[in-house]
């Protein structure tokens, strides 16, 4: 499957399946999934060891954005950073050669391909995403058996790793229920397999696992999905209600913890809880939460100035395209239509621009005079110019 499929259904693209519906209904949150592949270069366009070498040597990265780990021993940061916590690339390379795993944290803030991957997964699964990049020398292990408190998709870029799935581990652990090697032990091995370059693996939170490199250097992306739960939704709903309902902001009675006050407390609390379904604004709360998720991966656009300077020169023969890295939604407010981009940015247009915006949001390349909306060219040009200046639309005729 090509990169175009990545834009339409990124989970299916990662797992090399036709569509992700079956994955979400049968595997997500409950079962691991090994996506086997015959094309070892399937993820080669995403990231490479050469790209990591450039980032390490030129980006001035500080600890803990780069960490070194080994299952056999602790590696203190003092062994590979200068006094200002800046990472010393030469020391990192020497420790890697000696068997240490190099972890690049938060590379989605430094590498465009990884950022786009996170953005698309965030949009599809409606959850915050993050990445750790693991570069492991041959025959080494970064971590002993453990579980994570978030779901992970592992994309094997180069080399291979021998994976083991173990019994044990909590069901759907919370963020604060982290693995502790001092008190938690892995159970029996239930599955063992090799994850080769071009293949992917899904591991739900709480599932015990470990991986060791084979006889070749391994590079993989671990994409973490910080699951949004029913409990999280309830907390968000109550927070939103509290802002507009004085009843939820009332003080508790004095001595509320005492047994003789418990009956009164329970009656009052029950009354508030029973009114929740009628008071909750689910569309508002869920929309704001999704916008917050997407705001974590803001677009990195390199031609804003050039596009803005030439916006007024837009011609009917020019081709324009919505920037796929900029998520947006539209909302009707009376005689105005509001374009929401991120959780704080709103851009208003006359209601007559509705069809134009809906067509543009399809993310197709369109010749401006062929946009089948209800506007004449002067009116359409005003809308398009504004979107170009806002960094949401690109004039593809500008190079």
Foldseek 3Di string as FASTA:
>chain_A
DDVVVCLVAVVCLQLVHPHCPVCVVPPAQHHKDKRDDDDLQSCVVQDDVVRVLCCLVPVQDFPPQKDKAFAVDGDDLVQAADPVRGGHSVSVVVVQVVWIKIKRWQCLVVGVSVLLSQLSVCVVQVFAKTKIKIKTFAFGWGHDKFFALFKKKKAWAAAKKKKWWFPFWDRNDHNPPGTDPVPDDTHHTDDIDMRGRRMMMIDGTGTIMTITGHGGITIMMIMTTNDQDPVNLVVLQLVVLVVPDVLSVDDDDPPCVDPVNVVVVVVSVVVVVVCSVVRGDNVVSSVLSSLQSSVVRQDDDDCLVVLLVCLVVDDLQWKKFFDSSWDWDWDDDPQWIWIDTGNPDIDIDGNQCVLVVVQRVVRDIGRNNPRPGDDDPVRSSVVSSVCSNVVGMGGPVGD
